[in-house]
Amino acid sequence: MSTKEKIQEDLLVDTLEQNLNEIVLYNDDVNTFDYVIDTLIYACDHTPEQAEQCSILVHYKGKCTVKTGSYDDLKPRCSMLLEAGLSAEII
């Protein structure tokens, strides 16, 4: 394996390891679908279609991963969801 290939492999591994965090959104009996959709669009930069799909999954499955990425990117997004009254955590 050449040095160039090793460096590229190391960069790829570093990139993959950075994206291991997820925001998981949990179902509740308080917030409406429209409110959850609007909040996901705002906090997670979802398209309306993505937000709707996530809200349906949360409703029927009890939880859904709504965003993946680095912890530094997810922390403020998760805080926005929590401040909006949704139940979420970074795992």
N, C-alpha and C. Protein backbone atom coordinates (compact mmCIF):
# COMPACT_ATOMS: atom_id res chain seq x y z
N MET A 1 0.85 -1.17 0.00
CA MET A 1 0.00 0.00 0.00
C MET A 1 0.90 1.24 0.00
N SER A 2 0.62 2.14 -0.92
CA SER A 2 1.45 3.35 -1.01
C SER A 2 1.08 4.33 0.10
N THR A 3 1.95 5.27 0.33
CA THR A 3 1.72 6.31 1.34
C THR A 3 0.48 7.11 0.99
N LYS A 4 0.31 7.41 -0.30
CA LYS A 4 -0.86 8.17 -0.75
C LYS A 4 -2.16 7.42 -0.43
N GLU A 5 -2.19 6.12 -0.71
CA GLU A 5 -3.38 5.32 -0.42
C GLU A 5 -3.65 5.27 1.08
N LYS A 6 -2.60 5.15 1.88
CA LYS A 6 -2.74 5.10 3.34
C LYS A 6 -3.33 6.41 3.86
N ILE A 7 -2.86 7.54 3.35
CA ILE A 7 -3.38 8.84 3.78
C ILE A 7 -4.84 8.97 3.39
N GLN A 8 -5.21 8.57 2.17
CA GLN A 8 -6.60 8.63 1.73
C GLN A 8 -7.48 7.74 2.60
N GLU A 9 -6.99 6.55 2.94
CA GLU A 9 -7.74 5.64 3.79
C GLU A 9 -7.93 6.24 5.18
N ASP A 10 -6.88 6.84 5.74
CA ASP A 10 -6.97 7.47 7.05
C ASP A 10 -7.99 8.60 7.04
N LEU A 11 -8.02 9.41 5.98
CA LEU A 11 -8.98 10.50 5.86
C LEU A 11 -10.40 9.97 5.78
N LEU A 12 -10.59 8.89 5.04
CA LEU A 12 -11.90 8.29 4.91
C LEU A 12 -12.39 7.75 6.26
N VAL A 13 -11.52 7.09 7.00
CA VAL A 13 -11.87 6.56 8.32
C VAL A 13 -12.22 7.69 9.26
N ASP A 14 -11.41 8.77 9.25
CA ASP A 14 -11.71 9.93 10.10
C ASP A 14 -13.07 10.52 9.77
N THR A 15 -13.39 10.64 8.49
CA THR A 15 -14.67 11.19 8.06
C THR A 15 -15.81 10.30 8.53
N LEU A 16 -15.67 9.00 8.38
CA LEU A 16 -16.72 8.08 8.80
C LEU A 16 -16.91 8.11 10.31
N GLU A 17 -15.84 8.20 11.06
CA GLU A 17 -15.94 8.22 12.51
C GLU A 17 -16.61 9.49 13.01
N GLN A 18 -16.45 10.60 12.31
CA GLN A 18 -17.07 11.85 12.71
C GLN A 18 -18.58 11.80 12.56
N ASN A 19 -19.11 10.97 11.69
CA ASN A 19 -20.54 10.93 11.41
C ASN A 19 -21.28 9.84 12.18
N LEU A 20 -20.74 9.42 13.29
CA LEU A 20 -21.37 8.34 14.03
C LEU A 20 -22.45 8.82 15.00
N ASN A 21 -22.60 10.11 15.19
CA ASN A 21 -23.61 10.63 16.11
C ASN A 21 -24.94 10.81 15.40
N GLU A 22 -26.03 10.65 16.17
CA GLU A 22 -27.37 10.79 15.61
C GLU A 22 -28.25 11.54 16.60
N ILE A 23 -29.19 12.31 16.07
CA ILE A 23 -30.26 12.85 16.90
C ILE A 23 -31.45 11.91 16.73
N VAL A 24 -31.92 11.38 17.85
CA VAL A 24 -33.10 10.53 17.84
C VAL A 24 -34.26 11.33 18.43
N LEU A 25 -35.34 11.39 17.69
CA LEU A 25 -36.56 12.07 18.12
C LEU A 25 -37.55 11.03 18.61
N TYR A 26 -38.17 11.29 19.76
CA TYR A 26 -39.11 10.34 20.37
C TYR A 26 -40.53 10.85 20.27
N ASN A 27 -41.46 9.92 20.23
CA ASN A 27 -42.88 10.24 20.14
C ASN A 27 -43.40 10.83 21.44
N ASP A 28 -44.37 11.69 21.32
CA ASP A 28 -45.09 12.19 22.50
C ASP A 28 -46.55 12.36 22.11
N ASP A 29 -47.39 12.57 23.11
CA ASP A 29 -48.82 12.73 22.86
C ASP A 29 -49.24 14.19 22.95
N VAL A 30 -48.27 15.11 22.88
CA VAL A 30 -48.56 16.52 23.09
C VAL A 30 -48.52 17.32 21.79
N ASN A 31 -47.47 17.14 21.01
CA ASN A 31 -47.24 17.98 19.83
C ASN A 31 -47.94 17.44 18.59
N THR A 32 -48.43 18.36 17.77
CA THR A 32 -49.12 17.98 16.54
C THR A 32 -48.12 17.63 15.45
N PHE A 33 -48.60 16.93 14.42
CA PHE A 33 -47.75 16.61 13.29
C PHE A 33 -47.19 17.89 12.66
N ASP A 34 -48.05 18.87 12.45
CA ASP A 34 -47.61 20.12 11.82
C ASP A 34 -46.51 20.81 12.63
N TYR A 35 -46.66 20.80 13.94
CA TYR A 35 -45.65 21.43 14.80
C TYR A 35 -44.32 20.69 14.71
N VAL A 36 -44.36 19.37 14.74
CA VAL A 36 -43.13 18.57 14.64
C VAL A 36 -42.48 18.79 13.28
N ILE A 37 -43.27 18.79 12.23
CA ILE A 37 -42.75 19.01 10.88
C ILE A 37 -42.07 20.37 10.78
N ASP A 38 -42.76 21.41 11.24
CA ASP A 38 -42.18 22.76 11.20
C ASP A 38 -40.89 22.85 12.01
N THR A 39 -40.86 22.19 13.15
CA THR A 39 -39.67 22.22 14.00
C THR A 39 -38.51 21.48 13.36
N LEU A 40 -38.77 20.36 12.71
CA LEU A 40 -37.71 19.62 12.02
C LEU A 40 -37.16 20.41 10.84
N ILE A 41 -38.02 21.11 10.14
CA ILE A 41 -37.57 21.96 9.03
C ILE A 41 -36.65 23.04 9.57
N TYR A 42 -37.04 23.65 10.68
CA TYR A 42 -36.26 24.74 11.27
C TYR A 42 -34.95 24.24 11.90
N ALA A 43 -35.04 23.22 12.75
CA ALA A 43 -33.88 22.81 13.54
C ALA A 43 -32.91 21.90 12.78
N CYS A 44 -33.43 21.08 11.90
CA CYS A 44 -32.59 20.09 11.23
C CYS A 44 -32.39 20.35 9.74
N ASP A 45 -32.91 21.46 9.25
CA ASP A 45 -32.81 21.79 7.83
C ASP A 45 -33.42 20.72 6.94
N HIS A 46 -34.50 20.10 7.40
CA HIS A 46 -35.19 19.10 6.59
C HIS A 46 -36.01 19.78 5.50
N THR A 47 -36.23 19.05 4.42
CA THR A 47 -37.24 19.48 3.45
C THR A 47 -38.59 19.15 4.06
N PRO A 48 -39.67 19.74 3.57
CA PRO A 48 -40.99 19.38 4.11
C PRO A 48 -41.28 17.88 4.01
N GLU A 49 -40.83 17.26 2.92
CA GLU A 49 -41.06 15.81 2.74
C GLU A 49 -40.29 14.99 3.78
N GLN A 50 -39.03 15.36 4.01
CA GLN A 50 -38.23 14.65 5.02
C GLN A 50 -38.87 14.78 6.40
N ALA A 51 -39.27 15.99 6.73
CA ALA A 51 -39.84 16.24 8.05
C ALA A 51 -41.14 15.46 8.23
N GLU A 52 -41.95 15.41 7.19
CA GLU A 52 -43.20 14.65 7.26
C GLU A 52 -42.94 13.17 7.44
N GLN A 53 -41.99 12.63 6.70
CA GLN A 53 -41.66 11.21 6.82
C GLN A 53 -41.14 10.88 8.21
N CYS A 54 -40.28 11.75 8.75
CA CYS A 54 -39.77 11.52 10.10
C CYS A 54 -40.89 11.57 11.13
N SER A 55 -41.80 12.52 10.99
CA SER A 55 -42.89 12.63 11.96
C SER A 55 -43.79 11.40 11.92
N ILE A 56 -44.01 10.85 10.75
CA ILE A 56 -44.82 9.63 10.63
C ILE A 56 -44.10 8.45 11.27
N LEU A 57 -42.79 8.33 11.01
CA LEU A 57 -42.02 7.25 11.63
C LEU A 57 -42.02 7.36 13.15
N VAL A 58 -41.83 8.58 13.65
CA VAL A 58 -41.85 8.78 15.10
C VAL A 58 -43.21 8.37 15.68
N HIS A 59 -44.26 8.74 15.00
CA HIS A 59 -45.61 8.44 15.50
C HIS A 59 -45.86 6.92 15.57
N TYR A 60 -45.48 6.21 14.51
CA TYR A 60 -45.79 4.78 14.45
C TYR A 60 -44.73 3.88 15.06
N LYS A 61 -43.47 4.30 15.05
CA LYS A 61 -42.40 3.47 15.58
C LYS A 61 -41.95 3.88 16.98
N GLY A 62 -42.33 5.10 17.39
CA GLY A 62 -41.95 5.57 18.71
C GLY A 62 -40.70 6.41 18.73
N LYS A 63 -39.88 6.28 17.70
CA LYS A 63 -38.65 7.08 17.61
C LYS A 63 -38.14 7.03 16.18
N CYS A 64 -37.25 7.99 15.87
CA CYS A 64 -36.66 8.04 14.53
C CYS A 64 -35.38 8.86 14.59
N THR A 65 -34.36 8.40 13.88
CA THR A 65 -33.16 9.20 13.72
C THR A 65 -33.48 10.31 12.73
N VAL A 66 -33.36 11.56 13.18
CA VAL A 66 -33.73 12.68 12.33
C VAL A 66 -32.53 13.43 11.74
N LYS A 67 -31.35 13.19 12.29
CA LYS A 67 -30.16 13.87 11.76
C LYS A 67 -28.92 13.10 12.21
N THR A 68 -27.96 12.97 11.31
CA THR A 68 -26.67 12.37 11.66
C THR A 68 -25.58 13.38 11.33
N GLY A 69 -24.47 13.27 12.03
CA GLY A 69 -23.36 14.17 11.77
C GLY A 69 -22.43 14.24 12.95
N SER A 70 -21.59 15.24 12.94
CA SER A 70 -20.64 15.42 14.04
C SER A 70 -21.38 15.93 15.27
N TYR A 71 -20.83 15.64 16.42
CA TYR A 71 -21.46 16.09 17.67
C TYR A 71 -21.59 17.61 17.71
N ASP A 72 -20.56 18.30 17.22
CA ASP A 72 -20.58 19.76 17.23
C ASP A 72 -21.71 20.33 16.38
N ASP A 73 -22.06 19.65 15.30
CA ASP A 73 -23.18 20.09 14.46
C ASP A 73 -24.52 19.73 15.10
N LEU A 74 -24.58 18.56 15.73
CA LEU A 74 -25.85 18.07 16.26
C LEU A 74 -26.27 18.73 17.58
N LYS A 75 -25.31 19.13 18.39
CA LYS A 75 -25.62 19.68 19.72
C LYS A 75 -26.58 20.87 19.64
N PRO A 76 -26.31 21.91 18.85
CA PRO A 76 -27.26 23.02 18.81
C PRO A 76 -28.61 22.64 18.18
N ARG A 77 -28.59 21.72 17.24
CA ARG A 77 -29.84 21.27 16.62
C ARG A 77 -30.71 20.53 17.64
N CYS A 78 -30.08 19.66 18.42
CA CYS A 78 -30.82 18.93 19.45
C CYS A 78 -31.36 19.90 20.50
N SER A 79 -30.57 20.89 20.85
CA SER A 79 -31.02 21.90 21.81
C SER A 79 -32.25 22.64 21.29
N MET A 80 -32.28 22.95 19.99
CA MET A 80 -33.45 23.61 19.41
C MET A 80 -34.69 22.73 19.50
N LEU A 81 -34.51 21.43 19.25
CA LEU A 81 -35.64 20.51 19.37
C LEU A 81 -36.15 20.44 20.80
N LEU A 82 -35.23 20.35 21.74
CA LEU A 82 -35.62 20.30 23.16
C LEU A 82 -36.29 21.57 23.61
N GLU A 83 -35.75 22.73 23.19
CA GLU A 83 -36.35 24.01 23.56
C GLU A 83 -37.74 24.18 22.95
N ALA A 84 -37.99 23.50 21.84
CA ALA A 84 -39.29 23.56 21.19
C ALA A 84 -40.29 22.60 21.85
N GLY A 85 -39.84 21.86 22.85
CA GLY A 85 -40.74 20.96 23.58
C GLY A 85 -40.80 19.55 23.04
N LEU A 86 -39.87 19.19 22.14
CA LEU A 86 -39.83 17.82 21.63
C LEU A 86 -38.87 16.99 22.46
N SER A 87 -39.03 15.70 22.41
CA SER A 87 -38.15 14.78 23.13
C SER A 87 -37.11 14.22 22.17
N ALA A 88 -35.85 14.56 22.42
CA ALA A 88 -34.77 14.12 21.54
C ALA A 88 -33.49 13.96 22.33
N GLU A 89 -32.57 13.18 21.78
CA GLU A 89 -31.26 13.01 22.38
C GLU A 89 -30.24 12.69 21.31
N ILE A 90 -28.99 12.97 21.61
CA ILE A 90 -27.89 12.61 20.73
C ILE A 90 -27.32 11.29 21.20
N ILE A 91 -27.21 10.35 20.28
CA ILE A 91 -26.61 9.06 20.63
C ILE A 91 -25.43 8.79 19.73
